[in-house]
PDB file of N, CA and C in Angstrom:
ATOM      1  N   MET A   1     -13.873  51.878 144.056  1.00  0.00           N
ATOM      2  CA  MET A   1     -13.058  52.819 143.334  1.00  0.00           C
ATOM      3  C   MET A   1     -12.254  53.662 144.329  1.00  0.00           C
ATOM      4  N   SER A   2     -10.972  53.889 144.017  1.00  0.00           N
ATOM      5  CA  SER A   2     -10.068  54.606 144.898  1.00  0.00           C
ATOM      6  C   SER A   2     -10.024  56.073 144.496  1.00  0.00           C
ATOM      7  N   THR A   3     -10.060  56.937 145.471  1.00  0.00           N
ATOM      8  CA  THR A   3      -9.959  58.370 145.183  1.00  0.00           C
ATOM      9  C   THR A   3      -8.512  58.806 145.305  1.00  0.00           C
ATOM     10  N   SER A   4      -8.257  60.010 144.859  1.00  0.00           N
ATOM     11  CA  SER A   4      -6.883  60.509 144.909  1.00  0.00           C
ATOM     12  C   SER A   4      -6.405  60.694 146.342  1.00  0.00           C
ATOM     13  N   SER A   5      -7.303  61.027 147.266  1.00  0.00           N
ATOM     14  CA  SER A   5      -6.885  61.198 148.653  1.00  0.00           C
ATOM     15  C   SER A   5      -6.493  59.864 149.271  1.00  0.00           C
ATOM     16  N   ASP A   6      -7.137  58.761 148.859  1.00  0.00           N
ATOM     17  CA  ASP A   6      -6.737  57.444 149.353  1.00  0.00           C
ATOM     18  C   ASP A   6      -5.343  57.098 148.871  1.00  0.00           C
ATOM     19  N   THR A   7      -5.031  57.444 147.630  1.00  0.00           N
ATOM     20  CA  THR A   7      -3.706  57.160 147.075  1.00  0.00           C
ATOM     21  C   THR A   7      -2.642  57.946 147.828  1.00  0.00           C
ATOM     22  N   VAL A   8      -2.928  59.206 148.127  1.00  0.00           N
ATOM     23  CA  VAL A   8      -1.973  60.032 148.861  1.00  0.00           C
ATOM     24  C   VAL A   8      -1.755  59.462 150.255  1.00  0.00           C
ATOM     25  N   LYS A   9      -2.804  59.030 150.905  1.00  0.00           N
ATOM     26  CA  LYS A   9      -2.671  58.472 152.248  1.00  0.00           C
ATOM     27  C   LYS A   9      -1.842  57.199 152.233  1.00  0.00           C
ATOM     28  N   LYS A  10      -2.021  56.368 151.201  1.00  0.00           N
ATOM     29  CA  LYS A  10      -1.255  55.118 151.107  1.00  0.00           C
ATOM     30  C   LYS A  10       0.226  55.417 150.896  1.00  0.00           C
ATOM     31  N   VAL A  11       0.523  56.417 150.063  1.00  0.00           N
ATOM     32  CA  VAL A  11       1.912  56.774 149.809  1.00  0.00           C
ATOM     33  C   VAL A  11       2.546  57.337 151.068  1.00  0.00           C
ATOM     34  N   GLU A  12       1.810  58.172 151.786  1.00  0.00           N
ATOM     35  CA  GLU A  12       2.354  58.752 153.007  1.00  0.00           C
ATOM     36  C   GLU A  12       2.658  57.670 154.028  1.00  0.00           C
ATOM     37  N   LYS A  13       1.789  56.697 154.176  1.00  0.00           N
ATOM     38  CA  LYS A  13       2.021  55.621 155.141  1.00  0.00           C
ATOM     39  C   LYS A  13       3.200  54.764 154.724  1.00  0.00           C
ATOM     40  N   LYS A  14       3.362  54.554 153.427  1.00  0.00           N
ATOM     41  CA  LYS A  14       4.447  53.717 152.945  1.00  0.00           C
ATOM     42  C   LYS A  14       5.797  54.405 153.132  1.00  0.00           C
ATOM     43  N   ASP A  15       5.868  55.717 152.900  1.00  0.00           N
ATOM     44  CA  ASP A  15       7.126  56.453 153.003  1.00  0.00           C
ATOM     45  C   ASP A  15       7.479  56.824 154.434  1.00  0.00           C
ATOM     46  N   LYS A  16       6.539  56.715 155.337  1.00  0.00           N
ATOM     47  CA  LYS A  16       6.778  57.120 156.710  1.00  0.00           C
ATOM     48  C   LYS A  16       7.721  56.124 157.382  1.00  0.00           C
ATOM     49  N   GLY A  17       8.842  56.633 157.912  1.00  0.00           N
ATOM     50  CA  GLY A  17       9.817  55.775 158.564  1.00  0.00           C
ATOM     51  C   GLY A  17       9.877  56.067 160.050  1.00  0.00           C
ATOM     52  N   GLY A  18      10.624  55.264 160.749  1.00  0.00           N
ATOM     53  CA  GLY A  18      10.757  55.443 162.180  1.00  0.00           C
ATOM     54  C   GLY A  18      11.977  56.259 162.535  1.00  0.00           C
ATOM     55  N   VAL A  19      12.248  56.284 163.816  1.00  0.00           N
ATOM     56  CA  VAL A  19      13.384  57.048 164.329  1.00  0.00           C
ATOM     57  C   VAL A  19      14.703  56.447 163.840  1.00  0.00           C
ATOM     58  N   GLY A  20      14.757  55.128 163.769  1.00  0.00           N
ATOM     59  CA  GLY A  20      15.980  54.475 163.306  1.00  0.00           C
ATOM     60  C   GLY A  20      16.331  54.857 161.885  1.00  0.00           C
ATOM     61  N   GLU A  21      15.321  54.904 161.022  1.00  0.00           N
ATOM     62  CA  GLU A  21      15.565  55.297 159.637  1.00  0.00           C
ATOM     63  C   GLU A  21      16.022  56.749 159.566  1.00  0.00           C
ATOM     64  N   PHE A  22      15.423  57.591 160.374  1.00  0.00           N
ATOM     65  CA  PHE A  22      15.823  58.999 160.419  1.00  0.00           C
ATOM     66  C   PHE A  22      17.290  59.128 160.835  1.00  0.00           C
ATOM     67  N   ILE A  23      17.701  58.365 161.839  1.00  0.00           N
ATOM     68  CA  ILE A  23      19.091  58.430 162.308  1.00  0.00           C
ATOM     69  C   ILE A  23      20.042  57.915 161.237  1.00  0.00           C
ATOM     70  N   ARG A  24      19.676  56.842 160.552  1.00  0.00           N
ATOM     71  CA  ARG A  24      20.525  56.314 159.474  1.00  0.00           C
ATOM     72  C   ARG A  24      20.681  57.336 158.354  1.00  0.00           C
ATOM     73  N   GLU A  25      19.582  57.962 157.960  1.00  0.00           N
ATOM     74  CA  GLU A  25      19.658  58.971 156.903  1.00  0.00           C
ATOM     75  C   GLU A  25      20.458  60.184 157.355  1.00  0.00           C
ATOM     76  N   THR A  26      20.317  60.562 158.619  1.00  0.00           N
ATOM     77  CA  THR A  26      21.070  61.701 159.139  1.00  0.00           C
ATOM     78  C   THR A  26      22.559  61.402 159.138  1.00  0.00           C
ATOM     79  N   ARG A  27      22.941  60.201 159.557  1.00  0.00           N
ATOM     80  CA  ARG A  27      24.370  59.825 159.527  1.00  0.00           C
ATOM     81  C   ARG A  27      24.896  59.779 158.105  1.00  0.00           C
ATOM     82  N   GLY A  28      24.061  59.320 157.175  1.00  0.00           N
ATOM     83  CA  GLY A  28      24.473  59.301 155.774  1.00  0.00           C
ATOM     84  C   GLY A  28      24.725  60.690 155.240  1.00  0.00           C
ATOM     85  N   GLU A  29      23.863  61.630 155.595  1.00  0.00           N
ATOM     86  CA  GLU A  29      24.059  63.013 155.170  1.00  0.00           C
ATOM     87  C   GLU A  29      25.259  63.644 155.877  1.00  0.00           C
ATOM     88  N   TRP A  30      25.467  63.278 157.129  1.00  0.00           N
ATOM     89  CA  TRP A  30      26.597  63.813 157.897  1.00  0.00           C
ATOM     90  C   TRP A  30      27.920  63.398 157.255  1.00  0.00           C
ATOM     91  N   ASP A  31      27.967  62.188 156.710  1.00  0.00           N
ATOM     92  CA  ASP A  31      29.185  61.723 156.054  1.00  0.00           C
ATOM     93  C   ASP A  31      29.477  62.499 154.773  1.00  0.00           C
ATOM     94  N   LYS A  32      28.457  63.076 154.161  1.00  0.00           N
ATOM     95  CA  LYS A  32      28.638  63.831 152.923  1.00  0.00           C
ATOM     96  C   LYS A  32      29.129  65.260 153.179  1.00  0.00           C
ATOM     97  N   THR A  33      29.038  65.727 154.408  1.00  0.00           N
ATOM     98  CA  THR A  33      29.404  67.113 154.687  1.00  0.00           C
ATOM     99  C   THR A  33      30.916  67.268 154.806  1.00  0.00           C
ATOM    100  N   THR A  34      31.376  68.457 154.479  1.00  0.00           N
ATOM    101  CA  THR A  34      32.791  68.792 154.655  1.00  0.00           C
ATOM    102  C   THR A  34      32.872  70.072 155.478  1.00  0.00           C
ATOM    103  N   PHE A  35      33.922  70.204 156.231  1.00  0.00           N
ATOM    104  CA  PHE A  35      34.111  71.370 157.070  1.00  0.00           C
ATOM    105  C   PHE A  35      35.380  72.083 156.637  1.00  0.00           C
ATOM    106  N   PRO A  36      35.401  73.410 156.734  1.00  0.00           N
ATOM    107  CA  PRO A  36      36.593  74.148 156.315  1.00  0.00           C
ATOM    108  C   PRO A  36      37.755  73.909 157.274  1.00  0.00           C
ATOM    109  N   SER A  37      38.941  74.033 156.720  1.00  0.00           N
ATOM    110  CA  SER A  37      40.131  73.882 157.557  1.00  0.00           C
ATOM    111  C   SER A  37      40.315  75.143 158.388  1.00  0.00           C
ATOM    112  N   SER A  38      41.203  75.058 159.363  1.00  0.00           N
ATOM    113  CA  SER A  38      41.434  76.223 160.225  1.00  0.00           C
ATOM    114  C   SER A  38      42.053  77.372 159.433  1.00  0.00           C
ATOM    115  N   ASP A  39      42.846  77.055 158.405  1.00  0.00           N
ATOM    116  CA  ASP A  39      43.414  78.121 157.566  1.00  0.00           C
ATOM    117  C   ASP A  39      42.328  78.839 156.780  1.00  0.00           C
ATOM    118  N   ASP A  40      41.349  78.082 156.271  1.00  0.00           N
ATOM    119  CA  ASP A  40      40.230  78.704 155.554  1.00  0.00           C
ATOM    120  C   ASP A  40      39.420  79.609 156.476  1.00  0.00           C
ATOM    121  N   VAL A  41      39.155  79.133 157.678  1.00  0.00           N
ATOM    122  CA  VAL A  41      38.386  79.929 158.639  1.00  0.00           C
ATOM    123  C   VAL A  41      39.153  81.189 159.004  1.00  0.00           C
ATOM    124  N   ARG A  42      40.444  81.061 159.218  1.00  0.00           N
ATOM    125  CA  ARG A  42      41.272  82.214 159.587  1.00  0.00           C
ATOM    126  C   ARG A  42      41.287  83.248 158.459  1.00  0.00           C
ATOM    127  N   SER A  43      41.477  82.798 157.219  1.00  0.00           N
ATOM    128  CA  SER A  43      41.568  83.749 156.106  1.00  0.00           C
ATOM    129  C   SER A  43      40.228  84.429 155.853  1.00  0.00           C
ATOM    130  N   THR A  44      39.122  83.708 155.934  1.00  0.00           N
ATOM    131  CA  THR A  44      37.827  84.356 155.722  1.00  0.00           C
ATOM    132  C   THR A  44      37.487  85.299 156.875  1.00  0.00           C
ATOM    133  N   THR A  45      37.914  84.959 158.077  1.00  0.00           N
ATOM    134  CA  THR A  45      37.684  85.858 159.208  1.00  0.00           C
ATOM    135  C   THR A  45      38.449  87.161 159.031  1.00  0.00           C
ATOM    136  N   ILE A  46      39.670  87.071 158.568  1.00  0.00           N
ATOM    137  CA  ILE A  46      40.480  88.274 158.322  1.00  0.00           C
ATOM    138  C   ILE A  46      39.829  89.134 157.245  1.00  0.00           C
ATOM    139  N   ILE A  47      39.321  88.488 156.189  1.00  0.00           N
ATOM    140  CA  ILE A  47      38.655  89.232 155.117  1.00  0.00           C
ATOM    141  C   ILE A  47      37.420  89.953 155.651  1.00  0.00           C
ATOM    142  N   VAL A  48      36.646  89.281 156.486  1.00  0.00           N
ATOM    143  CA  VAL A  48      35.428  89.884 157.036  1.00  0.00           C
ATOM    144  C   VAL A  48      35.784  91.062 157.938  1.00  0.00           C
ATOM    145  N   VAL A  49      36.784  90.917 158.779  1.00  0.00           N
ATOM    146  CA  VAL A  49      37.164  91.999 159.695  1.00  0.00           C
ATOM    147  C   VAL A  49      37.656  93.217 158.905  1.00  0.00           C
ATOM    148  N   ILE A  50      38.481  92.990 157.897  1.00  0.00           N
ATOM    149  CA  ILE A  50      38.980  94.092 157.075  1.00  0.00           C
ATOM    150  C   ILE A  50      37.821  94.772 156.337  1.00  0.00           C
ATOM    151  N   SER A  51      36.886  93.988 155.819  1.00  0.00           N
ATOM    152  CA  SER A  51      35.732  94.558 155.115  1.00  0.00           C
ATOM    153  C   SER A  51      34.869  95.397 156.049  1.00  0.00           C
ATOM    154  N   VAL A  52      34.648  94.918 157.253  1.00  0.00           N
ATOM    155  CA  VAL A  52      33.841  95.666 158.218  1.00  0.00           C
ATOM    156  C   VAL A  52      34.520  96.982 158.570  1.00  0.00           C
ATOM    157  N   ILE A  53      35.816  96.955 158.796  1.00  0.00           N
ATOM    158  CA  ILE A  53      36.548  98.179 159.119  1.00  0.00           C
ATOM    159  C   ILE A  53      36.491  99.158 157.952  1.00  0.00           C
ATOM    160  N   PHE A  54      36.695  98.661 156.732  1.00  0.00           N
ATOM    161  CA  PHE A  54      36.648  99.513 155.547  1.00  0.00           C
ATOM    162  C   PHE A  54      35.292 100.193 155.410  1.00  0.00           C
ATOM    163  N   PHE A  55      34.212  99.407 155.495  1.00  0.00           N
ATOM    164  CA  PHE A  55      32.884  99.997 155.316  1.00  0.00           C
ATOM    165  C   PHE A  55      32.496 100.898 156.484  1.00  0.00           C
ATOM    166  N   ALA A  56      32.981 100.620 157.669  1.00  0.00           N
ATOM    167  CA  ALA A  56      32.708 101.510 158.801  1.00  0.00           C
ATOM    168  C   ALA A  56      33.358 102.869 158.563  1.00  0.00           C
ATOM    169  N   ILE A  57      34.603 102.873 158.124  1.00  0.00           N
ATOM    170  CA  ILE A  57      35.293 104.137 157.837  1.00  0.00           C
ATOM    171  C   ILE A  57      34.618 104.857 156.677  1.00  0.00           C
ATOM    172  N   TYR A  58      34.254 104.113 155.630  1.00  0.00           N
ATOM    173  CA  TYR A  58      33.590 104.709 154.466  1.00  0.00           C
ATOM    174  C   TYR A  58      32.272 105.366 154.865  1.00  0.00           C
ATOM    175  N   LEU A  59      31.446 104.656 155.608  1.00  0.00           N
ATOM    176  CA  LEU A  59      30.155 105.214 156.013  1.00  0.00           C
ATOM    177  C   LEU A  59      30.323 106.384 156.974  1.00  0.00           C
ATOM    178  N   PHE A  60      31.336 106.340 157.822  1.00  0.00           N
ATOM    179  CA  PHE A  60      31.621 107.469 158.708  1.00  0.00           C
ATOM    180  C   PHE A  60      31.957 108.709 157.890  1.00  0.00           C
ATOM    181  N   LEU A  61      32.806 108.550 156.886  1.00  0.00           N
ATOM    182  CA  LEU A  61      33.195 109.689 156.062  1.00  0.00           C
ATOM    183  C   LEU A  61      32.023 110.213 155.233  1.00  0.00           C
ATOM    184  N   VAL A  62      31.216 109.334 154.703  1.00  0.00           N
ATOM    185  CA  VAL A  62      30.040 109.767 153.940  1.00  0.00           C
ATOM    186  C   VAL A  62      29.084 110.520 154.856  1.00  0.00           C
ATOM    187  N   ASP A  63      28.881 110.027 156.067  1.00  0.00           N
ATOM    188  CA  ASP A  63      28.002 110.706 157.019  1.00  0.00           C
ATOM    189  C   ASP A  63      28.532 112.097 157.355  1.00  0.00           C
ATOM    190  N   LYS A  64      29.825 112.186 157.617  1.00  0.00           N
ATOM    191  CA  LYS A  64      30.412 113.492 157.925  1.00  0.00           C
ATOM    192  C   LYS A  64      30.287 114.447 156.742  1.00  0.00           C
ATOM    193  N   ALA A  65      30.457 113.935 155.523  1.00  0.00           N
ATOM    194  CA  ALA A  65      30.323 114.773 154.330  1.00  0.00           C
ATOM    195  C   ALA A  65      28.898 115.292 154.197  1.00  0.00           C
ATOM    196  N   TRP A  66      27.911 114.455 154.422  1.00  0.00           N
ATOM    197  CA  TRP A  66      26.512 114.896 154.344  1.00  0.00           C
ATOM    198  C   TRP A  66      26.201 115.936 155.425  1.00  0.00           C
ATOM    199  N   VAL A  67      26.724 115.756 156.621  1.00  0.00           N
ATOM    200  CA  VAL A  67      26.506 116.743 157.678  1.00  0.00           C
ATOM    201  C   VAL A  67      27.102 118.078 157.258  1.00  0.00           C
ATOM    202  N   TYR A  68      28.299 118.055 156.713  1.00  0.00           N
ATOM    203  CA  TYR A  68      28.954 119.283 156.260  1.00  0.00           C
ATOM    204  C   TYR A  68      28.150 119.949 155.151  1.00  0.00           C
ATOM    205  N   ILE A  69      27.705 119.152 154.176  1.00  0.00           N
ATOM    206  CA  ILE A  69      26.930 119.693 153.047  1.00  0.00           C
ATOM    207  C   ILE A  69      25.612 120.296 153.538  1.00  0.00           C
ATOM    208  N   LEU A  70      24.917 119.618 154.416  1.00  0.00           N
ATOM    209  CA  LEU A  70      23.631 120.119 154.898  1.00  0.00           C
ATOM    210  C   LEU A  70      23.799 121.356 155.778  1.00  0.00           C
ATOM    211  N   GLN A  71      24.859 121.398 156.578  1.00  0.00           N
ATOM    212  CA  GLN A  71      25.109 122.609 157.370  1.00  0.00           C
ATOM    213  C   GLN A  71      25.436 123.787 156.463  1.00  0.00           C
ATOM    214  N   ALA A  72      26.207 123.539 155.409  1.00  0.00           N
ATOM    215  CA  ALA A  72      26.526 124.603 154.464  1.00  0.00           C
ATOM    216  C   ALA A  72      25.273 125.066 153.742  1.00  0.00           C
ATOM    217  N   LEU A  73      24.419 124.142 153.369  1.00  0.00           N
ATOM    218  CA  LEU A  73      23.168 124.495 152.706  1.00  0.00           C
ATOM    219  C   LEU A  73      22.268 125.304 153.642  1.00  0.00           C
ATOM    220  N   ALA A  74      22.193 124.915 154.898  1.00  0.00           N
ATOM    221  CA  ALA A  74      21.397 125.667 155.871  1.00  0.00           C
ATOM    222  C   ALA A  74      21.967 127.062 156.056  1.00  0.00           C
ATOM    223  N   TRP A  75      23.296 127.199 156.095  1.00  0.00           N
ATOM    224  CA  TRP A  75      23.917 128.512 156.228  1.00  0.00           C
ATOM    225  C   TRP A  75      23.580 129.396 155.034  1.00  0.00           C
ATOM    226  N   VAL A  76      23.633 128.829 153.820  1.00  0.00           N
ATOM    227  CA  VAL A  76      23.321 129.594 152.607  1.00  0.00           C
ATOM    228  C   VAL A  76      21.863 130.036 152.622  1.00  0.00           C
ATOM    229  N   VAL A  77      20.957 129.154 152.998  1.00  0.00           N
ATOM    230  CA  VAL A  77      19.544 129.504 153.043  1.00  0.00           C
ATOM    231  C   VAL A  77      19.309 130.588 154.082  1.00  0.00           C
ATOM    232  N   ASN A  78      19.936 130.480 155.246  1.00  0.00           N
ATOM    233  CA  ASN A  78      19.802 131.508 156.283  1.00  0.00           C
ATOM    234  C   ASN A  78      20.401 132.831 155.828  1.00  0.00           C
ATOM    235  N   TRP A  79      21.504 132.807 155.113  1.00  0.00           N
ATOM    236  CA  TRP A  79      22.140 134.013 154.600  1.00  0.00           C
ATOM    237  C   TRP A  79      21.244 134.703 153.579  1.00  0.00           C
ATOM    238  N   ILE A  80      20.643 133.892 152.667  1.00  0.00           N
ATOM    239  CA  ILE A  80      19.752 134.443 151.656  1.00  0.00           C
ATOM    240  C   ILE A  80      18.494 135.030 152.323  1.00  0.00           C
ATOM    241  N   ALA A  81      17.963 134.320 153.302  1.00  0.00           N
ATOM    242  CA  ALA A  81      16.741 134.780 153.976  1.00  0.00           C
ATOM    243  C   ALA A  81      17.035 135.925 154.918  1.00  0.00           C
ATOM    244  N   GLY A  82      18.275 136.148 155.253  1.00  0.00           N
ATOM    245  CA  GLY A  82      18.646 137.250 156.136  1.00  0.00           C
ATOM    246  C   GLY A  82      18.400 136.963 157.601  1.00  0.00           C
ATOM    247  N   ILE A  83      18.451 135.694 157.960  1.00  0.00           N
ATOM    248  CA  ILE A  83      18.196 135.310 159.348  1.00  0.00           C
ATOM    249  C   ILE A  83      19.513 135.301 160.109  1.00  0.00           C
TER     250      ILE A  83
END
């Protein structure tokens, strides 16, 4: 009587291929791939650079606003406390 582990071992041995099969399958998958054109790469790069600049400026302004708000809050607390 065959156990389930024997069946798994038989399937693994049957599906196991060599280096040649791996190379053939890799070439087959390589043929299915597509690469972006230089215009696509250029346009997406421009979009990324503009987005990074935008968010850098936005975060800089938000940071400066929080510093201003917290300094004003500290001044008010010090004024109320009489320090």
